[in-house]
Amino acid sequence: METAFRGANYVFTTPPALVKLAQNGQAMF
């Protein structure tokens, strides 16, 4: 969620499946 307002030098950990859900606006997103 924080990628929406963080800058260029922001890195984070997450499962790839969660990124896919976020990009498709599914489940918790």
PDB file of all heavy atoms in Angstrom:
ATOM      1  N   MET A   1       0.821  -1.215   0.000  1.00  0.00           N
ATOM      2  CA  MET A   1       0.000   0.000   0.000  1.00  0.00           C
ATOM      3  C   MET A   1       0.849   1.257   0.000  1.00  0.00           C
ATOM      4  O   MET A   1       0.493   2.265  -0.627  1.00  0.00           O
ATOM      5  CB  MET A   1      -0.937  -0.005   1.211  1.00  0.00           C
ATOM      6  CG  MET A   1      -2.063  -1.035   1.164  1.00  0.00           C
ATOM      7  SD  MET A   1      -3.212  -0.806  -0.216  1.00  0.00           S
ATOM      8  CE  MET A   1      -3.880   0.820   0.138  1.00  0.00           C
ATOM      9  N   GLU A   2       1.981   1.222   0.689  1.00  0.00           N
ATOM     10  CA  GLU A   2       2.814   2.427   0.802  1.00  0.00           C
ATOM     11  C   GLU A   2       3.524   2.800  -0.492  1.00  0.00           C
ATOM     12  O   GLU A   2       4.058   3.902  -0.610  1.00  0.00           O
ATOM     13  CB  GLU A   2       3.817   2.268   1.947  1.00  0.00           C
ATOM     14  CG  GLU A   2       3.162   2.299   3.313  1.00  0.00           C
ATOM     15  CD  GLU A   2       4.131   2.529   4.457  1.00  0.00           C
ATOM     16  OE1 GLU A   2       5.282   2.932   4.202  1.00  0.00           O
ATOM     17  OE2 GLU A   2       3.733   2.308   5.618  1.00  0.00           O
ATOM     18  N   THR A   3       3.520   1.906  -1.473  1.00  0.00           N
ATOM     19  CA  THR A   3       4.122   2.264  -2.770  1.00  0.00           C
ATOM     20  C   THR A   3       3.337   3.396  -3.427  1.00  0.00           C
ATOM     21  O   THR A   3       3.861   4.070  -4.316  1.00  0.00           O
ATOM     22  CB  THR A   3       4.161   1.053  -3.729  1.00  0.00           C
ATOM     23  OG1 THR A   3       2.825   0.604  -3.983  1.00  0.00           O
ATOM     24  CG2 THR A   3       4.960  -0.078  -3.139  1.00  0.00           C
ATOM     25  N   ALA A   4       2.103   3.600  -2.999  1.00  0.00           N
ATOM     26  CA  ALA A   4       1.258   4.637  -3.596  1.00  0.00           C
ATOM     27  C   ALA A   4       1.768   6.036  -3.303  1.00  0.00           C
ATOM     28  O   ALA A   4       1.479   6.979  -4.051  1.00  0.00           O
ATOM     29  CB  ALA A   4      -0.185   4.480  -3.120  1.00  0.00           C
ATOM     30  N   PHE A   5       2.522   6.199  -2.196  1.00  0.00           N
ATOM     31  CA  PHE A   5       2.966   7.554  -1.859  1.00  0.00           C
ATOM     32  C   PHE A   5       4.445   7.633  -1.477  1.00  0.00           C
ATOM     33  O   PHE A   5       4.940   8.699  -1.111  1.00  0.00           O
ATOM     34  CB  PHE A   5       2.108   8.134  -0.722  1.00  0.00           C
ATOM     35  CG  PHE A   5       2.085   7.305   0.529  1.00  0.00           C
ATOM     36  CD1 PHE A   5       3.060   7.460   1.497  1.00  0.00           C
ATOM     37  CD2 PHE A   5       1.086   6.369   0.737  1.00  0.00           C
ATOM     38  CE1 PHE A   5       3.037   6.701   2.657  1.00  0.00           C
ATOM     39  CE2 PHE A   5       1.048   5.608   1.899  1.00  0.00           C
ATOM     40  CZ  PHE A   5       2.029   5.772   2.861  1.00  0.00           C
ATOM     41  N   ARG A   6       5.167   6.536  -1.596  1.00  0.00           N
ATOM     42  CA  ARG A   6       6.606   6.566  -1.311  1.00  0.00           C
ATOM     43  C   ARG A   6       7.380   7.029  -2.550  1.00  0.00           C
ATOM     44  O   ARG A   6       6.908   6.937  -3.677  1.00  0.00           O
ATOM     45  CB  ARG A   6       7.090   5.186  -0.902  1.00  0.00           C
ATOM     46  CG  ARG A   6       6.588   4.738   0.464  1.00  0.00           C
ATOM     47  CD  ARG A   6       7.363   5.423   1.588  1.00  0.00           C
ATOM     48  NE  ARG A   6       7.088   4.805   2.874  1.00  0.00           N
ATOM     49  CZ  ARG A   6       7.901   4.856   3.921  1.00  0.00           C
ATOM     50  NH1 ARG A   6       9.028   5.515   3.839  1.00  0.00           N
ATOM     51  NH2 ARG A   6       7.571   4.263   5.053  1.00  0.00           N
ATOM     52  N   GLY A   7       8.614   7.466  -2.315  1.00  0.00           N
ATOM     53  CA  GLY A   7       9.444   7.970  -3.398  1.00  0.00           C
ATOM     54  C   GLY A   7      10.210   6.887  -4.128  1.00  0.00           C
ATOM     55  O   GLY A   7       9.955   5.689  -3.971  1.00  0.00           O
ATOM     56  N   ALA A   8      11.193   7.333  -4.913  1.00  0.00           N
ATOM     57  CA  ALA A   8      11.945   6.431  -5.784  1.00  0.00           C
ATOM     58  C   ALA A   8      12.804   5.437  -5.009  1.00  0.00           C
ATOM     59  O   ALA A   8      12.995   4.304  -5.461  1.00  0.00           O
ATOM     60  CB  ALA A   8      12.828   7.245  -6.728  1.00  0.00           C
ATOM     61  N   ASN A   9      13.322   5.839  -3.856  1.00  0.00           N
ATOM     62  CA  ASN A   9      14.243   4.981  -3.112  1.00  0.00           C
ATOM     63  C   ASN A   9      13.539   4.220  -1.989  1.00  0.00           C
ATOM     64  O   ASN A   9      14.005   4.162  -0.857  1.00  0.00           O
ATOM     65  CB  ASN A   9      15.411   5.800  -2.559  1.00  0.00           C
ATOM     66  CG  ASN A   9      16.386   6.163  -3.664  1.00  0.00           C
ATOM     67  OD1 ASN A   9      16.205   5.792  -4.821  1.00  0.00           O
ATOM     68  ND2 ASN A   9      17.426   6.895  -3.321  1.00  0.00           N
ATOM     69  N   TYR A  10      12.409   3.628  -2.342  1.00  0.00           N
ATOM     70  CA  TYR A  10      11.631   2.823  -1.411  1.00  0.00           C
ATOM     71  C   TYR A  10      11.716   1.364  -1.843  1.00  0.00           C
ATOM     72  O   TYR A  10      11.412   1.029  -2.997  1.00  0.00           O
ATOM     73  CB  TYR A  10      10.178   3.287  -1.404  1.00  0.00           C
ATOM     74  CG  TYR A  10       9.224   2.407  -0.602  1.00  0.00           C
ATOM     75  CD1 TYR A  10       9.352   2.286   0.781  1.00  0.00           C
ATOM     76  CD2 TYR A  10       8.183   1.727  -1.229  1.00  0.00           C
ATOM     77  CE1 TYR A  10       8.465   1.502   1.516  1.00  0.00           C
ATOM     78  CE2 TYR A  10       7.286   0.945  -0.507  1.00  0.00           C
ATOM     79  CZ  TYR A  10       7.438   0.835   0.861  1.00  0.00           C
ATOM     80  OH  TYR A  10       6.559   0.053   1.583  1.00  0.00           O
ATOM     81  N   VAL A  11      12.141   0.482  -0.938  1.00  0.00           N
ATOM     82  CA  VAL A  11      12.145  -0.956  -1.214  1.00  0.00           C
ATOM     83  C   VAL A  11      11.375  -1.657  -0.102  1.00  0.00           C
ATOM     84  O   VAL A  11      11.264  -1.135   1.014  1.00  0.00           O
ATOM     85  CB  VAL A  11      13.575  -1.542  -1.345  1.00  0.00           C
ATOM     86  CG1 VAL A  11      14.348  -0.874  -2.469  1.00  0.00           C
ATOM     87  CG2 VAL A  11      14.343  -1.418  -0.037  1.00  0.00           C
ATOM     88  N   PHE A  12      10.861  -2.836  -0.410  1.00  0.00           N
ATOM     89  CA  PHE A  12      10.028  -3.535   0.566  1.00  0.00           C
ATOM     90  C   PHE A  12       9.963  -5.014   0.227  1.00  0.00           C
ATOM     91  O   PHE A  12      10.316  -5.439  -0.877  1.00  0.00           O
ATOM     92  CB  PHE A  12       8.608  -2.942   0.579  1.00  0.00           C
ATOM     93  CG  PHE A  12       7.869  -3.064  -0.724  1.00  0.00           C
ATOM     94  CD1 PHE A  12       6.981  -4.108  -0.949  1.00  0.00           C
ATOM     95  CD2 PHE A  12       8.071  -2.138  -1.748  1.00  0.00           C
ATOM     96  CE1 PHE A  12       6.295  -4.230  -2.150  1.00  0.00           C
ATOM     97  CE2 PHE A  12       7.393  -2.244  -2.957  1.00  0.00           C
ATOM     98  CZ  PHE A  12       6.507  -3.293  -3.156  1.00  0.00           C
ATOM     99  N   THR A  13       9.511  -5.803   1.201  1.00  0.00           N
ATOM    100  CA  THR A  13       9.349  -7.233   0.988  1.00  0.00           C
ATOM    101  C   THR A  13       7.867  -7.578   0.916  1.00  0.00           C
ATOM    102  O   THR A  13       7.045  -6.993   1.630  1.00  0.00           O
ATOM    103  CB  THR A  13       9.976  -8.054   2.128  1.00  0.00           C
ATOM    104  OG1 THR A  13       9.371  -7.665   3.376  1.00  0.00           O
ATOM    105  CG2 THR A  13      11.473  -7.825   2.200  1.00  0.00           C
ATOM    106  N   THR A  14       7.550  -8.543   0.055  1.00  0.00           N
ATOM    107  CA  THR A  14       6.188  -9.052  -0.044  1.00  0.00           C
ATOM    108  C   THR A  14       6.194 -10.293  -0.927  1.00  0.00           C
ATOM    109  O   THR A  14       7.095 -10.452  -1.763  1.00  0.00           O
ATOM    110  CB  THR A  14       5.227  -7.988  -0.630  1.00  0.00           C
ATOM    111  OG1 THR A  14       3.877  -8.385  -0.409  1.00  0.00           O
ATOM    112  CG2 THR A  14       5.447  -7.790  -2.112  1.00  0.00           C
ATOM    113  N   PRO A  15       5.221 -11.178  -0.779  1.00  0.00           N
ATOM    114  CA  PRO A  15       5.095 -12.300  -1.702  1.00  0.00           C
ATOM    115  C   PRO A  15       4.656 -11.808  -3.080  1.00  0.00           C
ATOM    116  O   PRO A  15       3.835 -10.886  -3.177  1.00  0.00           O
ATOM    117  CB  PRO A  15       3.995 -13.170  -1.067  1.00  0.00           C
ATOM    118  CG  PRO A  15       3.945 -12.745   0.365  1.00  0.00           C
ATOM    119  CD  PRO A  15       4.287 -11.291   0.357  1.00  0.00           C
ATOM    120  N   PRO A  16       5.165 -12.392  -4.170  1.00  0.00           N
ATOM    121  CA  PRO A  16       4.749 -11.990  -5.523  1.00  0.00           C
ATOM    122  C   PRO A  16       3.236 -12.070  -5.724  1.00  0.00           C
ATOM    123  O   PRO A  16       2.658 -11.252  -6.441  1.00  0.00           O
ATOM    124  CB  PRO A  16       5.481 -12.995  -6.421  1.00  0.00           C
ATOM    125  CG  PRO A  16       6.689 -13.380  -5.641  1.00  0.00           C
ATOM    126  CD  PRO A  16       6.246 -13.398  -4.208  1.00  0.00           C
ATOM    127  N   ALA A  17       2.599 -13.046  -5.085  1.00  0.00           N
ATOM    128  CA  ALA A  17       1.150 -13.202  -5.244  1.00  0.00           C
ATOM    129  C   ALA A  17       0.402 -11.963  -4.768  1.00  0.00           C
ATOM    130  O   ALA A  17      -0.649 -11.600  -5.322  1.00  0.00           O
ATOM    131  CB  ALA A  17       0.674 -14.435  -4.483  1.00  0.00           C
ATOM    132  N   LEU A  18       0.927 -11.301  -3.751  1.00  0.00           N
ATOM    133  CA  LEU A  18       0.270 -10.117  -3.208  1.00  0.00           C
ATOM    134  C   LEU A  18       0.376  -8.931  -4.172  1.00  0.00           C
ATOM    135  O   LEU A  18      -0.549  -8.123  -4.278  1.00  0.00           O
ATOM    136  CB  LEU A  18       0.886  -9.757  -1.853  1.00  0.00           C
ATOM    137  CG  LEU A  18      -0.047  -9.150  -0.807  1.00  0.00           C
ATOM    138  CD1 LEU A  18      -1.203 -10.083  -0.510  1.00  0.00           C
ATOM    139  CD2 LEU A  18       0.715  -8.849   0.466  1.00  0.00           C
ATOM    140  N   VAL A  19       1.499  -8.846  -4.867  1.00  0.00           N
ATOM    141  CA  VAL A  19       1.672  -7.782  -5.866  1.00  0.00           C
ATOM    142  C   VAL A  19       0.640  -7.955  -6.982  1.00  0.00           C
ATOM    143  O   VAL A  19       0.012  -6.990  -7.439  1.00  0.00           O
ATOM    144  CB  VAL A  19       3.102  -7.800  -6.447  1.00  0.00           C
ATOM    145  CG1 VAL A  19       3.222  -6.816  -7.612  1.00  0.00           C
ATOM    146  CG2 VAL A  19       4.119  -7.464  -5.368  1.00  0.00           C
ATOM    147  N   LYS A  20       0.442  -9.192  -7.393  1.00  0.00           N
ATOM    148  CA  LYS A  20      -0.531  -9.474  -8.456  1.00  0.00           C
ATOM    149  C   LYS A  20      -1.943  -9.096  -8.018  1.00  0.00           C
ATOM    150  O   LYS A  20      -2.711  -8.509  -8.784  1.00  0.00           O
ATOM    151  CB  LYS A  20      -0.474 -10.957  -8.833  1.00  0.00           C
ATOM    152  CG  LYS A  20      -1.294 -11.323 -10.059  1.00  0.00           C
ATOM    153  CD  LYS A  20      -1.086 -12.758 -10.459  1.00  0.00           C
ATOM    154  CE  LYS A  20      -1.885 -13.105 -11.708  1.00  0.00           C
ATOM    155  NZ  LYS A  20      -1.690 -14.523 -12.117  1.00  0.00           N
ATOM    156  N   LEU A  21      -2.295  -9.419  -6.759  1.00  0.00           N
ATOM    157  CA  LEU A  21      -3.613  -9.059  -6.234  1.00  0.00           C
ATOM    158  C   LEU A  21      -3.793  -7.542  -6.210  1.00  0.00           C
ATOM    159  O   LEU A  21      -4.862  -7.023  -6.550  1.00  0.00           O
ATOM    160  CB  LEU A  21      -3.796  -9.625  -4.828  1.00  0.00           C
ATOM    161  CG  LEU A  21      -3.964 -11.142  -4.696  1.00  0.00           C
ATOM    162  CD1 LEU A  21      -4.000 -11.547  -3.226  1.00  0.00           C
ATOM    163  CD2 LEU A  21      -5.228 -11.620  -5.408  1.00  0.00           C
ATOM    164  N   ALA A  22      -2.728  -6.826  -5.806  1.00  0.00           N
ATOM    165  CA  ALA A  22      -2.795  -5.362  -5.741  1.00  0.00           C
ATOM    166  C   ALA A  22      -3.004  -4.769  -7.131  1.00  0.00           C
ATOM    167  O   ALA A  22      -3.823  -3.859  -7.321  1.00  0.00           O
ATOM    168  CB  ALA A  22      -1.524  -4.810  -5.116  1.00  0.00           C
ATOM    169  N   GLN A  23      -2.276  -5.277  -8.099  1.00  0.00           N
ATOM    170  CA  GLN A  23      -2.360  -4.742  -9.455  1.00  0.00           C
ATOM    171  C   GLN A  23      -3.700  -5.040 -10.112  1.00  0.00           C
ATOM    172  O   GLN A  23      -4.143  -4.308 -10.994  1.00  0.00           O
ATOM    173  CB  GLN A  23      -1.205  -5.289 -10.293  1.00  0.00           C
ATOM    174  CG  GLN A  23       0.144  -4.753  -9.832  1.00  0.00           C
ATOM    175  CD  GLN A  23       1.332  -5.388 -10.534  1.00  0.00           C
ATOM    176  OE1 GLN A  23       1.229  -6.490 -11.090  1.00  0.00           O
ATOM    177  NE2 GLN A  23       2.467  -4.709 -10.512  1.00  0.00           N
ATOM    178  N   ASN A  24      -4.361  -6.115  -9.647  1.00  0.00           N
ATOM    179  CA  ASN A  24      -5.672  -6.470 -10.195  1.00  0.00           C
ATOM    180  C   ASN A  24      -6.830  -5.988  -9.326  1.00  0.00           C
ATOM    181  O   ASN A  24      -7.995  -6.231  -9.648  1.00  0.00           O
ATOM    182  CB  ASN A  24      -5.767  -7.994 -10.367  1.00  0.00           C
ATOM    183  CG  ASN A  24      -4.841  -8.519 -11.445  1.00  0.00           C
ATOM    184  OD1 ASN A  24      -4.555  -7.822 -12.411  1.00  0.00           O
ATOM    185  ND2 ASN A  24      -4.362  -9.739 -11.284  1.00  0.00           N
ATOM    186  N   GLY A  25      -6.502  -5.311  -8.203  1.00  0.00           N
ATOM    187  CA  GLY A  25      -7.536  -4.803  -7.318  1.00  0.00           C
ATOM    188  C   GLY A  25      -8.395  -5.888  -6.704  1.00  0.00           C
ATOM    189  O   GLY A  25      -9.610  -5.736  -6.557  1.00  0.00           O
ATOM    190  N   GLN A  26      -7.760  -7.002  -6.306  1.00  0.00           N
ATOM    191  CA  GLN A  26      -8.501  -8.152  -5.785  1.00  0.00           C
ATOM    192  C   GLN A  26      -8.238  -8.374  -4.291  1.00  0.00           C
ATOM    193  O   GLN A  26      -7.287  -7.840  -3.729  1.00  0.00           O
ATOM    194  CB  GLN A  26      -8.119  -9.413  -6.563  1.00  0.00           C
ATOM    195  CG  GLN A  26      -8.478  -9.366  -8.039  1.00  0.00           C
ATOM    196  CD  GLN A  26      -7.970 -10.571  -8.803  1.00  0.00           C
ATOM    197  OE1 GLN A  26      -6.928 -11.142  -8.470  1.00  0.00           O
ATOM    198  NE2 GLN A  26      -8.703 -10.970  -9.829  1.00  0.00           N
ATOM    199  N   ALA A  27      -9.098  -9.198  -3.689  1.00  0.00           N
ATOM    200  CA  ALA A  27      -8.968  -9.614  -2.283  1.00  0.00           C
ATOM    201  C   ALA A  27      -8.830  -8.396  -1.372  1.00  0.00           C
ATOM    202  O   ALA A  27      -9.677  -7.499  -1.409  1.00  0.00           O
ATOM    203  CB  ALA A  27      -7.803 -10.580  -2.128  1.00  0.00           C
ATOM    204  N   MET A  28      -7.748  -8.349  -0.573  1.00  0.00           N
ATOM    205  CA  MET A  28      -7.589  -7.255   0.390  1.00  0.00           C
ATOM    206  C   MET A  28      -7.345  -5.892  -0.275  1.00  0.00           C
ATOM    207  O   MET A  28      -7.350  -4.856   0.388  1.00  0.00           O
ATOM    208  CB  MET A  28      -6.450  -7.568   1.372  1.00  0.00           C
ATOM    209  CG  MET A  28      -5.069  -7.666   0.753  1.00  0.00           C
ATOM    210  SD  MET A  28      -4.783  -9.192  -0.184  1.00  0.00           S
ATOM    211  CE  MET A  28      -4.765 -10.415   1.102  1.00  0.00           C
ATOM    212  N   PHE A  29      -7.148  -5.894  -1.597  1.00  0.00           N
ATOM    213  CA  PHE A  29      -6.931  -4.632  -2.321  1.00  0.00           C
ATOM    214  C   PHE A  29      -8.179  -4.190  -3.085  1.00  0.00           C
ATOM    215  O   PHE A  29      -8.126  -3.204  -3.819  1.00  0.00           O
ATOM    216  CB  PHE A  29      -5.745  -4.775  -3.279  1.00  0.00           C
ATOM    217  CG  PHE A  29      -4.441  -5.032  -2.580  1.00  0.00           C
ATOM    218  CD1 PHE A  29      -3.930  -6.317  -2.493  1.00  0.00           C
ATOM    219  CD2 PHE A  29      -3.738  -3.999  -1.982  1.00  0.00           C
ATOM    220  CE1 PHE A  29      -2.734  -6.567  -1.835  1.00  0.00           C
ATOM    221  CE2 PHE A  29      -2.546  -4.235  -1.315  1.00  0.00           C
ATOM    222  CZ  PHE A  29      -2.044  -5.526  -1.238  1.00  0.00           C
TER     223      PHE A  29
END
